[in-house]
Amino acid sequence: MRWLLFLSRLSFICGFFFLLSISLRIYNWTHDEVTTSTIIVIGYFMGLIVVPVTNICYLIVLFTKRKLTSIVPWWLILVNVLSLAALVYYIFFQYDHSMNR
């Protein structure tokens, strides 16, 4: 189950870069196109894939009656679930044009 720990760490990094990419939409604090594009690619594109897959793997482990906290630390699980919540909020509520009417 070391792959789940690796996936959790990767998801943590992608969630962090997702928050950085949101902050780049508000204010361009890097002033470097290469750094900005790297943050956006890791945050938006990798984050949209890795974070939900990690949380689905958490659910599969929980449904197989294994103890998830023996594999992944509880704070990492919490941060990844909150990253998924931030992604869902951003996708469904930030770009919901029907609510602006």
C-alpha atoms as a PDB file:
ATOM      1  CA  MET A   1       0.000   0.000   0.000  1.00  0.00           C
ATOM      2  CA  ARG A   2       2.976   2.294  -0.408  1.00  0.00           C
ATOM      3  CA  TRP A   3       1.456   3.412  -3.703  1.00  0.00           C
ATOM      4  CA  LEU A   4      -1.436   5.000  -1.803  1.00  0.00           C
ATOM      5  CA  LEU A   5       0.980   6.957   0.368  1.00  0.00           C
ATOM      6  CA  PHE A   6       2.799   8.126  -2.764  1.00  0.00           C
ATOM      7  CA  LEU A   7      -0.503   9.044  -4.432  1.00  0.00           C
ATOM      8  CA  SER A   8      -1.571  10.923  -1.314  1.00  0.00           C
ATOM      9  CA  ARG A   9       1.630  12.941  -1.294  1.00  0.00           C
ATOM     10  CA  LEU A  10       1.262  13.708  -4.988  1.00  0.00           C
ATOM     11  CA  SER A  11      -2.326  14.771  -4.380  1.00  0.00           C
ATOM     12  CA  PHE A  12      -1.173  17.049  -1.562  1.00  0.00           C
ATOM     13  CA  ILE A  13       1.279  18.765  -3.906  1.00  0.00           C
ATOM     14  CA  CYS A  14      -1.348  19.101  -6.652  1.00  0.00           C
ATOM     15  CA  GLY A  15      -3.847  20.547  -4.178  1.00  0.00           C
ATOM     16  CA  PHE A  16      -1.273  23.087  -3.029  1.00  0.00           C
ATOM     17  CA  PHE A  17      -0.540  24.082  -6.620  1.00  0.00           C
ATOM     18  CA  PHE A  18      -4.278  24.317  -7.271  1.00  0.00           C
ATOM     19  CA  LEU A  19      -4.545  26.940  -4.537  1.00  0.00           C
ATOM     20  CA  LEU A  20      -1.529  28.734  -6.004  1.00  0.00           C
ATOM     21  CA  SER A  21      -3.120  28.731  -9.453  1.00  0.00           C
ATOM     22  CA  ILE A  22      -6.305  30.239  -8.027  1.00  0.00           C
ATOM     23  CA  SER A  23      -4.208  32.960  -6.424  1.00  0.00           C
ATOM     24  CA  LEU A  24      -2.588  33.591  -9.810  1.00  0.00           C
ATOM     25  CA  ARG A  25      -6.029  34.307 -11.263  1.00  0.00           C
ATOM     26  CA  ILE A  26      -6.523  37.018  -8.662  1.00  0.00           C
ATOM     27  CA  TYR A  27      -3.070  38.579  -8.875  1.00  0.00           C
ATOM     28  CA  ASN A  28      -0.092  37.651 -11.058  1.00  0.00           C
ATOM     29  CA  TRP A  29       2.586  37.560  -8.389  1.00  0.00           C
ATOM     30  CA  THR A  30       5.192  35.561 -10.322  1.00  0.00           C
ATOM     31  CA  HIS A  31       5.820  37.842 -13.334  1.00  0.00           C
ATOM     32  CA  ASP A  32       7.474  34.868 -15.023  1.00  0.00           C
ATOM     33  CA  GLU A  33       5.602  32.997 -17.749  1.00  0.00           C
ATOM     34  CA  VAL A  34       7.430  29.700 -17.262  1.00  0.00           C
ATOM     35  CA  THR A  35       6.720  29.570 -13.536  1.00  0.00           C
ATOM     36  CA  THR A  36       3.120  30.636 -14.057  1.00  0.00           C
ATOM     37  CA  SER A  37       2.493  27.973 -16.699  1.00  0.00           C
ATOM     38  CA  THR A  38       4.074  25.280 -14.525  1.00  0.00           C
ATOM     39  CA  ILE A  39       1.883  26.214 -11.551  1.00  0.00           C
ATOM     40  CA  ILE A  40      -1.225  26.264 -13.745  1.00  0.00           C
ATOM     41  CA  VAL A  41      -0.494  22.897 -15.354  1.00  0.00           C
ATOM     42  CA  ILE A  42       0.202  21.176 -12.047  1.00  0.00           C
ATOM     43  CA  GLY A  43      -2.663  22.903 -10.256  1.00  0.00           C
ATOM     44  CA  TYR A  44      -5.478  22.740 -12.756  1.00  0.00           C
ATOM     45  CA  PHE A  45      -4.762  19.802 -15.009  1.00  0.00           C
ATOM     46  CA  MET A  46      -2.932  17.376 -12.738  1.00  0.00           C
ATOM     47  CA  GLY A  47      -5.031  18.440  -9.757  1.00  0.00           C
ATOM     48  CA  LEU A  48      -8.285  17.729 -11.564  1.00  0.00           C
ATOM     49  CA  ILE A  49      -7.116  14.159 -12.146  1.00  0.00           C
ATOM     50  CA  VAL A  50      -4.975  13.218  -9.153  1.00  0.00           C
ATOM     51  CA  VAL A  51      -7.060  14.639  -6.289  1.00  0.00           C
ATOM     52  CA  PRO A  52     -10.346  12.863  -7.184  1.00  0.00           C
ATOM     53  CA  VAL A  53      -8.522   9.597  -7.955  1.00  0.00           C
ATOM     54  CA  THR A  54      -6.833   9.740  -4.553  1.00  0.00           C
ATOM     55  CA  ASN A  55     -10.131  10.280  -2.767  1.00  0.00           C
ATOM     56  CA  ILE A  56     -11.736   7.426  -4.713  1.00  0.00           C
ATOM     57  CA  CYS A  57      -8.850   5.200  -3.603  1.00  0.00           C
ATOM     58  CA  TYR A  58      -9.511   6.292  -0.006  1.00  0.00           C
ATOM     59  CA  LEU A  59     -13.125   5.181  -0.373  1.00  0.00           C
ATOM     60  CA  ILE A  60     -12.090   1.833  -1.866  1.00  0.00           C
ATOM     61  CA  VAL A  61      -9.704   1.197   1.023  1.00  0.00           C
ATOM     62  CA  LEU A  62     -12.410   2.117   3.528  1.00  0.00           C
ATOM     63  CA  PHE A  63     -14.936  -0.184   1.842  1.00  0.00           C
ATOM     64  CA  THR A  64     -12.479  -3.098   1.976  1.00  0.00           C
ATOM     65  CA  LYS A  65     -12.478  -2.728   5.784  1.00  0.00           C
ATOM     66  CA  ARG A  66      -8.811  -1.725   6.049  1.00  0.00           C
ATOM     67  CA  LYS A  67      -7.650   0.953   8.413  1.00  0.00           C
ATOM     68  CA  LEU A  68      -6.761   3.934   6.251  1.00  0.00           C
ATOM     69  CA  THR A  69      -4.804   5.804   8.924  1.00  0.00           C
ATOM     70  CA  SER A  70      -2.335   2.928   9.205  1.00  0.00           C
ATOM     71  CA  ILE A  71      -1.365   3.581   5.571  1.00  0.00           C
ATOM     72  CA  VAL A  72      -1.692   7.368   5.242  1.00  0.00           C
ATOM     73  CA  PRO A  73      -1.409   9.944   8.061  1.00  0.00           C
ATOM     74  CA  TRP A  74      -4.743  11.458   9.101  1.00  0.00           C
ATOM     75  CA  TRP A  75      -3.656  15.052   8.357  1.00  0.00           C
ATOM     76  CA  LEU A  76      -2.784  14.084   4.777  1.00  0.00           C
ATOM     77  CA  ILE A  77      -6.192  12.468   4.321  1.00  0.00           C
ATOM     78  CA  LEU A  78      -7.876  15.591   5.717  1.00  0.00           C
ATOM     79  CA  VAL A  79      -5.926  17.941   3.453  1.00  0.00           C
ATOM     80  CA  ASN A  80      -6.702  15.829   0.383  1.00  0.00           C
ATOM     81  CA  VAL A  81     -10.413  15.719   1.187  1.00  0.00           C
ATOM     82  CA  LEU A  82     -10.406  19.502   1.670  1.00  0.00           C
ATOM     83  CA  SER A  83      -8.567  19.867  -1.646  1.00  0.00           C
ATOM     84  CA  LEU A  84     -11.316  17.870  -3.306  1.00  0.00           C
ATOM     85  CA  ALA A  85     -13.915  20.113  -1.687  1.00  0.00           C
ATOM     86  CA  ALA A  86     -12.077  23.189  -3.002  1.00  0.00           C
ATOM     87  CA  LEU A  87     -11.951  21.671  -6.490  1.00  0.00           C
ATOM     88  CA  VAL A  88     -15.659  20.859  -6.436  1.00  0.00           C
ATOM     89  CA  TYR A  89     -16.515  24.329  -5.168  1.00  0.00           C
ATOM     90  CA  TYR A  90     -14.366  25.935  -7.850  1.00  0.00           C
ATOM     91  CA  ILE A  91     -15.800  23.853 -10.681  1.00  0.00           C
ATOM     92  CA  PHE A  92     -19.478  23.905  -9.777  1.00  0.00           C
ATOM     93  CA  PHE A  93     -20.005  27.182  -7.974  1.00  0.00           C
ATOM     94  CA  GLN A  94     -17.374  29.514  -9.343  1.00  0.00           C
ATOM     95  CA  TYR A  95     -18.350  28.898 -12.963  1.00  0.00           C
ATOM     96  CA  ASP A  96     -22.072  28.415 -12.524  1.00  0.00           C
ATOM     97  CA  HIS A  97     -23.408  31.021 -14.935  1.00  0.00           C
ATOM     98  CA  SER A  98     -27.036  30.116 -14.324  1.00  0.00           C
ATOM     99  CA  MET A  99     -26.862  31.505 -10.772  1.00  0.00           C
ATOM    100  CA  ASN A 100     -25.810  34.944 -12.044  1.00  0.00           C
ATOM    101  CA  ARG A 101     -29.207  35.604 -13.641  1.00  0.00           C
END
